[in-house]
Amino acid sequence: MTKRGFGIAAATLSSLIAPLATAAEATGYSTFWVNDTPGSDGFEALRLAAEATTSIRLGVGVIPIDRRPASEIVQAIGQKGLPVDRLLVGVGAGGELYGSLDNVRSAVQTIREQSGAPVAIGALGPKMVSLAAREADAVLLNWLTPRQARLSARDVRAEQGEGHHCEVIAYVRVALPGGFEQLSGEGDRYASFPAYARHFARMQAQPLDTSAYGTKAEIQNGLAAFDREVDETVVRAVAEREALDAYMGILTSAKPPSAK
């Protein structure tokens, strides 16, 4: 059965991170994710999560290497004392237009060799998906429809080398009815970026087509469509307000089907 992770933005109030990580672990989520954003530190957020948990995997994704090079990522892992046996480091090209494939490949090798942590590549286009299949421990897919998840997963599994397994992970924005305005706004913001605009155009889809929102039943049905296609579906919570109960509502509504 496909695993489910629970994800928040690194900019989420620091006081919420430990209780959410603890709740995710207790509820049966496989990974606690933070997505590194400008002005916030994904590794500091994971430090707080690591201190509050014992077994759940800790993911950060994705860190643009044009903003934070591999050497700084390795340094941050050590400085924060993160448990590499539970860590998955996601990296992406960011705003690089030229040489991005080679630069991401080099970053993956540096981080893996110098920190000992497995590395995921954030991929939108087919070339980056192909690179992840061949070079990374995981591919992190974002803002995609279940159909595109199926196609990307098929490509990854066809291209990964003999003896090499690349985990296929899909970030899915999830909101309860009260958070629809925030979800819609986040989708519009991403669609304004050229790389994502091209991504949505390739899929012939709108941002909301890539999300799961509404009642608990609607969220579970939406996530199930991804569960069938990938190895892990990440519930990227979009809350109506920065409060523990708002995030906990999403966490419990989207919990893995296998959870008690």
Foldseek 3Di string as FASTA:
>chain_A
DAAAEAEEEQPFPLVQLLVVLLVCVQQRHQEYEYEYDPPGDRLVSVLSSPVNDDHHAYEYDAAACVVPPLVNVLVSCVVSVPDQVRYEYEYENPPDDPPSLVRVLVSQVSNCVRRVHFYEYEDQDPVSLLSLLARGQEYEYELDALVVLQVSLVNSVVRRDVPHDYFYEYEAEEAEPLQPVQQLVVQVVQCVDVVVVVSCVVRVHGSVNRHFYYFLVRNCVRVVSNSVRGNYYYHYYRFNDSDNVRSVVSCVSNRDPPGD
